[in-house]
PDB file of N, CA and C in Angstrom:
ATOM      1  N   UNK A   1      25.569   6.879  -4.372  1.00  0.00           N
ATOM      2  CA  UNK A   1      25.598   8.236  -3.877  1.00  0.00           C
ATOM      3  C   UNK A   1      25.855   8.200  -2.377  1.00  0.00           C
ATOM      4  N   UNK A   2      26.789   8.972  -1.919  1.00  0.00           N
ATOM      5  CA  UNK A   2      27.053   9.091  -0.484  1.00  0.00           C
ATOM      6  C   UNK A   2      26.353  10.328   0.048  1.00  0.00           C
ATOM      7  N   UNK A   3      25.966  10.255   1.307  1.00  0.00           N
ATOM      8  CA  UNK A   3      25.318  11.376   1.973  1.00  0.00           C
ATOM      9  C   UNK A   3      25.743  11.362   3.430  1.00  0.00           C
ATOM     10  N   UNK A   4      25.412  12.405   4.148  1.00  0.00           N
ATOM     11  CA  UNK A   4      25.745  12.491   5.574  1.00  0.00           C
ATOM     12  C   UNK A   4      24.470  12.600   6.395  1.00  0.00           C
ATOM     13  N   UNK A   5      24.535  12.090   7.608  1.00  0.00           N
ATOM     14  CA  UNK A   5      23.422  12.256   8.532  1.00  0.00           C
ATOM     15  C   UNK A   5      23.433  13.689   9.050  1.00  0.00           C
ATOM     16  N   UNK A   6      22.247  14.262   9.207  1.00  0.00           N
ATOM     17  CA  UNK A   6      22.096  15.635   9.667  1.00  0.00           C
ATOM     18  C   UNK A   6      21.437  15.598  11.040  1.00  0.00           C
ATOM     19  N   UNK A   7      21.978  16.350  11.986  1.00  0.00           N
ATOM     20  CA  UNK A   7      21.406  16.403  13.334  1.00  0.00           C
ATOM     21  C   UNK A   7      20.118  17.224  13.297  1.00  0.00           C
ATOM     22  N   UNK A   8      19.043  16.622  13.818  1.00  0.00           N
ATOM     23  CA  UNK A   8      17.746  17.290  13.936  1.00  0.00           C
ATOM     24  C   UNK A   8      17.263  17.050  15.359  1.00  0.00           C
ATOM     25  N   UNK A   9      17.536  17.972  16.254  1.00  0.00           N
ATOM     26  CA  UNK A   9      17.219  17.787  17.667  1.00  0.00           C
ATOM     27  C   UNK A   9      17.982  16.595  18.204  1.00  0.00           C
ATOM     28  N   UNK A  10      17.276  15.645  18.821  1.00  0.00           N
ATOM     29  CA  UNK A  10      17.908  14.426  19.332  1.00  0.00           C
ATOM     30  C   UNK A  10      17.966  13.326  18.276  1.00  0.00           C
ATOM     31  N   UNK A  11      17.494  13.613  17.073  1.00  0.00           N
ATOM     32  CA  UNK A  11      17.446  12.615  16.004  1.00  0.00           C
ATOM     33  C   UNK A  11      18.439  12.962  14.908  1.00  0.00           C
ATOM     34  N   UNK A  12      18.434  12.160  13.873  1.00  0.00           N
ATOM     35  CA  UNK A  12      19.265  12.412  12.693  1.00  0.00           C
ATOM     36  C   UNK A  12      18.366  12.323  11.469  1.00  0.00           C
ATOM     37  N   UNK A  13      18.742  13.046  10.422  1.00  0.00           N
ATOM     38  CA  UNK A  13      17.979  13.037   9.183  1.00  0.00           C
ATOM     39  C   UNK A  13      18.894  12.781   8.001  1.00  0.00           C
ATOM     40  N   UNK A  14      18.295  12.553   6.850  1.00  0.00           N
ATOM     41  CA  UNK A  14      19.036  12.307   5.616  1.00  0.00           C
ATOM     42  C   UNK A  14      18.480  13.241   4.547  1.00  0.00           C
ATOM     43  N   UNK A  15      19.358  13.928   3.829  1.00  0.00           N
ATOM     44  CA  UNK A  15      18.928  14.722   2.677  1.00  0.00           C
ATOM     45  C   UNK A  15      18.849  13.795   1.475  1.00  0.00           C
ATOM     46  N   UNK A  16      17.731  13.857   0.765  1.00  0.00           N
ATOM     47  CA  UNK A  16      17.557  13.028  -0.430  1.00  0.00           C
ATOM     48  C   UNK A  16      17.390  13.955  -1.626  1.00  0.00           C
ATOM     49  N   UNK A  17      18.182  13.742  -2.647  1.00  0.00           N
ATOM     50  CA  UNK A  17      18.153  14.535  -3.864  1.00  0.00           C
ATOM     51  C   UNK A  17      16.748  14.525  -4.467  1.00  0.00           C
ATOM     52  N   UNK A  18      16.285  15.674  -4.964  1.00  0.00           N
ATOM     53  CA  UNK A  18      14.924  15.775  -5.508  1.00  0.00           C
ATOM     54  C   UNK A  18      14.707  14.842  -6.696  1.00  0.00           C
ATOM     55  N   UNK A  19      15.751  14.579  -7.478  1.00  0.00           N
ATOM     56  CA  UNK A  19      15.631  13.641  -8.594  1.00  0.00           C
ATOM     57  C   UNK A  19      15.317  12.237  -8.118  1.00  0.00           C
ATOM     58  N   UNK A  20      15.948  11.829  -7.032  1.00  0.00           N
ATOM     59  CA  UNK A  20      15.693  10.504  -6.451  1.00  0.00           C
ATOM     60  C   UNK A  20      14.272  10.447  -5.898  1.00  0.00           C
ATOM     61  N   UNK A  21      13.843  11.525  -5.262  1.00  0.00           N
ATOM     62  CA  UNK A  21      12.483  11.583  -4.707  1.00  0.00           C
ATOM     63  C   UNK A  21      11.451  11.404  -5.817  1.00  0.00           C
ATOM     64  N   UNK A  22      11.647  12.108  -6.931  1.00  0.00           N
ATOM     65  CA  UNK A  22      10.715  11.991  -8.064  1.00  0.00           C
ATOM     66  C   UNK A  22      10.761  10.598  -8.675  1.00  0.00           C
ATOM     67  N   UNK A  23      11.971  10.077  -8.885  1.00  0.00           N
ATOM     68  CA  UNK A  23      12.131   8.756  -9.508  1.00  0.00           C
ATOM     69  C   UNK A  23      11.458   7.658  -8.689  1.00  0.00           C
ATOM     70  N   UNK A  24      11.506   7.789  -7.367  1.00  0.00           N
ATOM     71  CA  UNK A  24      10.918   6.775  -6.478  1.00  0.00           C
ATOM     72  C   UNK A  24       9.442   7.039  -6.186  1.00  0.00           C
ATOM     73  N   UNK A  25       8.921   8.165  -6.644  1.00  0.00           N
ATOM     74  CA  UNK A  25       7.515   8.487  -6.402  1.00  0.00           C
ATOM     75  C   UNK A  25       7.223   8.785  -4.945  1.00  0.00           C
ATOM     76  N   UNK A  26       8.202   9.347  -4.234  1.00  0.00           N
ATOM     77  CA  UNK A  26       8.019   9.651  -2.816  1.00  0.00           C
ATOM     78  C   UNK A  26       7.198  10.920  -2.654  1.00  0.00           C
ATOM     79  N   UNK A  27       6.426  10.977  -1.575  1.00  0.00           N
ATOM     80  CA  UNK A  27       5.617  12.143  -1.249  1.00  0.00           C
ATOM     81  C   UNK A  27       5.908  12.493   0.204  1.00  0.00           C
ATOM     82  N   UNK A  28       5.009  13.198   0.855  1.00  0.00           N
ATOM     83  CA  UNK A  28       5.236  13.591   2.248  1.00  0.00           C
ATOM     84  C   UNK A  28       5.299  12.400   3.191  1.00  0.00           C
ATOM     85  N   UNK A  29       4.522  11.367   2.907  1.00  0.00           N
ATOM     86  CA  UNK A  29       4.488  10.186   3.770  1.00  0.00           C
ATOM     87  C   UNK A  29       5.226   9.046   3.080  1.00  0.00           C
ATOM     88  N   UNK A  30       6.100   8.367   3.830  1.00  0.00           N
ATOM     89  CA  UNK A  30       6.903   7.273   3.276  1.00  0.00           C
ATOM     90  C   UNK A  30       6.869   6.075   4.212  1.00  0.00           C
ATOM     91  N   UNK A  31       7.229   4.915   3.681  1.00  0.00           N
ATOM     92  CA  UNK A  31       7.395   3.693   4.482  1.00  0.00           C
ATOM     93  C   UNK A  31       8.891   3.506   4.708  1.00  0.00           C
ATOM     94  N   UNK A  32       9.295   3.241   5.952  1.00  0.00           N
ATOM     95  CA  UNK A  32      10.699   3.002   6.276  1.00  0.00           C
ATOM     96  C   UNK A  32      10.808   1.633   6.932  1.00  0.00           C
ATOM     97  N   UNK A  33      11.725   0.801   6.412  1.00  0.00           N
ATOM     98  CA  UNK A  33      11.954  -0.538   6.966  1.00  0.00           C
ATOM     99  C   UNK A  33      13.448  -0.764   7.091  1.00  0.00           C
ATOM    100  N   UNK A  34      13.805  -1.675   7.973  1.00  0.00           N
ATOM    101  CA  UNK A  34      15.183  -2.143   8.064  1.00  0.00           C
ATOM    102  C   UNK A  34      15.164  -3.630   7.722  1.00  0.00           C
ATOM    103  N   UNK A  35      15.933  -4.010   6.685  1.00  0.00           N
ATOM    104  CA  UNK A  35      16.031  -5.396   6.244  1.00  0.00           C
ATOM    105  C   UNK A  35      17.504  -5.732   6.104  1.00  0.00           C
ATOM    106  N   UNK A  36      17.960  -6.726   6.860  1.00  0.00           N
ATOM    107  CA  UNK A  36      19.372  -7.133   6.822  1.00  0.00           C
ATOM    108  C   UNK A  36      20.312  -5.945   7.026  1.00  0.00           C
ATOM    109  N   UNK A  37      20.008  -5.137   8.026  1.00  0.00           N
ATOM    110  CA  UNK A  37      20.812  -3.963   8.380  1.00  0.00           C
ATOM    111  C   UNK A  37      20.857  -2.912   7.274  1.00  0.00           C
ATOM    112  N   UNK A  38      19.860  -2.938   6.388  1.00  0.00           N
ATOM    113  CA  UNK A  38      19.757  -1.942   5.323  1.00  0.00           C
ATOM    114  C   UNK A  38      18.479  -1.144   5.522  1.00  0.00           C
ATOM    115  N   UNK A  39      18.588   0.160   5.369  1.00  0.00           N
ATOM    116  CA  UNK A  39      17.444   1.047   5.487  1.00  0.00           C
ATOM    117  C   UNK A  39      16.736   1.109   4.134  1.00  0.00           C
ATOM    118  N   UNK A  40      15.447   0.800   4.120  1.00  0.00           N
ATOM    119  CA  UNK A  40      14.669   0.818   2.884  1.00  0.00           C
ATOM    120  C   UNK A  40      13.579   1.874   3.025  1.00  0.00           C
ATOM    121  N   UNK A  41      13.560   2.802   2.089  1.00  0.00           N
ATOM    122  CA  UNK A  41      12.565   3.872   2.065  1.00  0.00           C
ATOM    123  C   UNK A  41      11.723   3.677   0.813  1.00  0.00           C
ATOM    124  N   UNK A  42      10.396   3.586   0.989  1.00  0.00           N
ATOM    125  CA  UNK A  42       9.496   3.358  -0.143  1.00  0.00           C
ATOM    126  C   UNK A  42       8.330   4.329  -0.092  1.00  0.00           C
ATOM    127  N   UNK A  43       7.751   4.575  -1.258  1.00  0.00           N
ATOM    128  CA  UNK A  43       6.519   5.356  -1.321  1.00  0.00           C
ATOM    129  C   UNK A  43       5.410   4.558  -0.636  1.00  0.00           C
ATOM    130  N   UNK A  44       4.504   5.253   0.016  1.00  0.00           N
ATOM    131  CA  UNK A  44       3.368   4.596   0.658  1.00  0.00           C
ATOM    132  C   UNK A  44       2.466   4.042  -0.435  1.00  0.00           C
ATOM    133  N   UNK A  45       2.104   2.784  -0.320  1.00  0.00           N
ATOM    134  CA  UNK A  45       1.223   2.143  -1.295  1.00  0.00           C
ATOM    135  C   UNK A  45      -0.227   2.470  -0.950  1.00  0.00           C
ATOM    136  N   UNK A  46      -0.973   2.824  -1.973  1.00  0.00           N
ATOM    137  CA  UNK A  46      -2.387   3.115  -1.773  1.00  0.00           C
ATOM    138  C   UNK A  46      -3.123   1.824  -1.424  1.00  0.00           C
ATOM    139  N   UNK A  47      -3.964   1.852  -0.391  1.00  0.00           N
ATOM    140  CA  UNK A  47      -4.733   0.651  -0.065  1.00  0.00           C
ATOM    141  C   UNK A  47      -5.643   0.268  -1.233  1.00  0.00           C
ATOM    142  N   UNK A  48      -5.734  -0.982  -1.521  1.00  0.00           N
ATOM    143  CA  UNK A  48      -6.600  -1.516  -2.577  1.00  0.00           C
ATOM    144  C   UNK A  48      -6.257  -0.966  -3.961  1.00  0.00           C
ATOM    145  N   UNK A  49      -5.006  -0.528  -4.171  1.00  0.00           N
ATOM    146  CA  UNK A  49      -4.600   0.097  -5.436  1.00  0.00           C
ATOM    147  C   UNK A  49      -4.785  -0.825  -6.635  1.00  0.00           C
ATOM    148  N   UNK A  50      -4.560  -2.104  -6.486  1.00  0.00           N
ATOM    149  CA  UNK A  50      -4.640  -3.033  -7.619  1.00  0.00           C
ATOM    150  C   UNK A  50      -5.904  -3.879  -7.633  1.00  0.00           C
ATOM    151  N   UNK A  51      -6.862  -3.554  -6.794  1.00  0.00           N
ATOM    152  CA  UNK A  51      -8.063  -4.374  -6.710  1.00  0.00           C
ATOM    153  C   UNK A  51      -8.821  -4.410  -8.033  1.00  0.00           C
ATOM    154  N   UNK A  52      -8.990  -3.274  -8.683  1.00  0.00           N
ATOM    155  CA  UNK A  52      -9.762  -3.225  -9.925  1.00  0.00           C
ATOM    156  C   UNK A  52      -9.148  -4.135 -10.979  1.00  0.00           C
ATOM    157  N   UNK A  53      -7.834  -4.087 -11.104  1.00  0.00           N
ATOM    158  CA  UNK A  53      -7.113  -4.939 -12.055  1.00  0.00           C
ATOM    159  C   UNK A  53      -7.330  -6.419 -11.708  1.00  0.00           C
ATOM    160  N   UNK A  54      -7.264  -6.739 -10.421  1.00  0.00           N
ATOM    161  CA  UNK A  54      -7.455  -8.123  -9.979  1.00  0.00           C
ATOM    162  C   UNK A  54      -8.881  -8.600 -10.243  1.00  0.00           C
ATOM    163  N   UNK A  55      -9.863  -7.726 -10.006  1.00  0.00           N
ATOM    164  CA  UNK A  55     -11.261  -8.101 -10.245  1.00  0.00           C
ATOM    165  C   UNK A  55     -11.500  -8.390 -11.725  1.00  0.00           C
ATOM    166  N   UNK A  56     -10.917  -7.572 -12.598  1.00  0.00           N
ATOM    167  CA  UNK A  56     -11.076  -7.799 -14.042  1.00  0.00           C
ATOM    168  C   UNK A  56     -10.448  -9.129 -14.452  1.00  0.00           C
ATOM    169  N   UNK A  57      -9.284  -9.427 -13.886  1.00  0.00           N
ATOM    170  CA  UNK A  57      -8.601 -10.689 -14.185  1.00  0.00           C
ATOM    171  C   UNK A  57      -9.449 -11.874 -13.705  1.00  0.00           C
ATOM    172  N   UNK A  58     -10.035 -11.751 -12.504  1.00  0.00           N
ATOM    173  CA  UNK A  58     -10.895 -12.809 -11.971  1.00  0.00           C
ATOM    174  C   UNK A  58     -12.109 -13.019 -12.874  1.00  0.00           C
ATOM    175  N   UNK A  59     -12.699 -11.928 -13.341  1.00  0.00           N
ATOM    176  CA  UNK A  59     -13.883 -12.026 -14.194  1.00  0.00           C
ATOM    177  C   UNK A  59     -13.552 -12.737 -15.509  1.00  0.00           C
ATOM    178  N   UNK A  60     -12.420 -12.397 -16.105  1.00  0.00           N
ATOM    179  CA  UNK A  60     -12.015 -13.029 -17.369  1.00  0.00           C
ATOM    180  C   UNK A  60     -11.831 -14.535 -17.212  1.00  0.00           C
ATOM    181  N   UNK A  61     -11.355 -14.960 -16.045  1.00  0.00           N
ATOM    182  CA  UNK A  61     -11.113 -16.392 -15.830  1.00  0.00           C
ATOM    183  C   UNK A  61     -12.290 -17.078 -15.124  1.00  0.00           C
ATOM    184  N   UNK A  62     -13.448 -16.398 -15.078  1.00  0.00           N
ATOM    185  CA  UNK A  62     -14.654 -16.925 -14.416  1.00  0.00           C
ATOM    186  C   UNK A  62     -14.394 -17.323 -12.967  1.00  0.00           C
ATOM    187  N   UNK A  63     -13.568 -16.551 -12.310  1.00  0.00           N
ATOM    188  CA  UNK A  63     -13.235 -16.823 -10.913  1.00  0.00           C
ATOM    189  C   UNK A  63     -13.878 -15.779  -9.998  1.00  0.00           C
ATOM    190  N   UNK A  64     -14.986 -15.197 -10.442  1.00  0.00           N
ATOM    191  CA  UNK A  64     -15.628 -14.150  -9.651  1.00  0.00           C
ATOM    192  C   UNK A  64     -17.001 -14.567  -9.124  1.00  0.00           C
ATOM    193  N   UNK A  65     -17.166 -15.852  -8.901  1.00  0.00           N
ATOM    194  CA  UNK A  65     -18.420 -16.385  -8.376  1.00  0.00           C
ATOM    195  C   UNK A  65     -18.448 -16.174  -6.864  1.00  0.00           C
ATOM    196  N   UNK A  66     -19.609 -15.761  -6.357  1.00  0.00           N
ATOM    197  CA  UNK A  66     -19.768 -15.528  -4.928  1.00  0.00           C
ATOM    198  C   UNK A  66     -19.571 -16.830  -4.162  1.00  0.00           C
ATOM    199  N   UNK A  67     -18.661 -16.833  -3.201  1.00  0.00           N
ATOM    200  CA  UNK A  67     -18.339 -18.055  -2.462  1.00  0.00           C
ATOM    201  C   UNK A  67     -19.289 -18.301  -1.293  1.00  0.00           C
ATOM    202  N   UNK A  68     -19.903 -17.249  -0.791  1.00  0.00           N
ATOM    203  CA  UNK A  68     -20.827 -17.376   0.331  1.00  0.00           C
ATOM    204  C   UNK A  68     -22.244 -17.257  -0.220  1.00  0.00           C
ATOM    205  N   UNK A  69     -23.081 -18.201   0.146  1.00  0.00           N
ATOM    206  CA  UNK A  69     -24.453 -18.182  -0.349  1.00  0.00           C
ATOM    207  C   UNK A  69     -25.135 -16.893   0.089  1.00  0.00           C
ATOM    208  N   UNK A  70     -25.772 -16.234  -0.848  1.00  0.00           N
ATOM    209  CA  UNK A  70     -26.481 -14.992  -0.555  1.00  0.00           C
ATOM    210  C   UNK A  70     -27.945 -15.321  -0.306  1.00  0.00           C
ATOM    211  N   UNK A  71     -28.222 -15.817   0.869  1.00  0.00           N
ATOM    212  CA  UNK A  71     -29.560 -16.283   1.200  1.00  0.00           C
ATOM    213  C   UNK A  71     -30.289 -15.235   2.027  1.00  0.00           C
ATOM    214  N   UNK A  72     -31.538 -15.022   1.684  1.00  0.00           N
ATOM    215  CA  UNK A  72     -32.377 -14.120   2.465  1.00  0.00           C
ATOM    216  C   UNK A  72     -33.431 -14.905   3.240  1.00  0.00           C
ATOM    217  N   UNK A  73     -33.137 -16.148   3.533  1.00  0.00           N
ATOM    218  CA  UNK A  73     -34.097 -17.015   4.220  1.00  0.00           C
ATOM    219  C   UNK A  73     -34.522 -16.439   5.567  1.00  0.00           C
ATOM    220  N   UNK A  74     -33.633 -15.728   6.222  1.00  0.00           N
ATOM    221  CA  UNK A  74     -33.953 -15.178   7.543  1.00  0.00           C
ATOM    222  C   UNK A  74     -34.905 -13.982   7.445  1.00  0.00           C
ATOM    223  N   UNK A  75     -35.117 -13.447   6.259  1.00  0.00           N
ATOM    224  CA  UNK A  75     -35.965 -12.264   6.098  1.00  0.00           C
ATOM    225  C   UNK A  75     -37.397 -12.496   6.567  1.00  0.00           C
ATOM    226  N   UNK A  76     -37.883 -13.724   6.455  1.00  0.00           N
ATOM    227  CA  UNK A  76     -39.277 -13.992   6.846  1.00  0.00           C
ATOM    228  C   UNK A  76     -39.499 -13.754   8.339  1.00  0.00           C
ATOM    229  N   UNK A  77     -38.433 -13.815   9.134  1.00  0.00           N
ATOM    230  CA  UNK A  77     -38.545 -13.609  10.575  1.00  0.00           C
ATOM    231  C   UNK A  77     -38.553 -12.128  10.958  1.00  0.00           C
ATOM    232  N   UNK A  78     -38.207 -11.265  10.021  1.00  0.00           N
ATOM    233  CA  UNK A  78     -38.121  -9.830  10.303  1.00  0.00           C
ATOM    234  C   UNK A  78     -39.404  -9.122   9.899  1.00  0.00           C
ATOM    235  N   UNK A  79     -39.758  -8.132  10.676  1.00  0.00           N
ATOM    236  CA  UNK A  79     -40.874  -7.288  10.283  1.00  0.00           C
ATOM    237  C   UNK A  79     -40.274  -5.998   9.754  1.00  0.00           C
ATOM    238  N   UNK A  80     -40.474  -5.748   8.457  1.00  0.00           N
ATOM    239  CA  UNK A  80     -39.861  -4.582   7.815  1.00  0.00           C
ATOM    240  C   UNK A  80     -40.752  -3.422   7.910  1.00  0.00           C
TER     241      UNK A  80
END
C-alpha cells in the first residue's frame, strides 16, 4: 500500500487505514522504531504481559524454587 506524508505544522504524519490499525492491534499509543532505514510501528506491549504464562511453565518444570534464601535470622535484632 502506498501513502503520502501529510504536513502537520513543522512535522509530517502518515494516514493509516483503519483496517490496518485493527489488524495490528494499534491504539492511541504506539512504539516507533527505525531498523535498517525502515520505519516500524508496533502496538505498545503491556508490561509483564506474559509473566503468568511463564510462571505456570516454570511451575510445571519445577523451576520455581526460590533462589535467594528467605531467612529471618536478623529478626531477633529487631524490636517489633
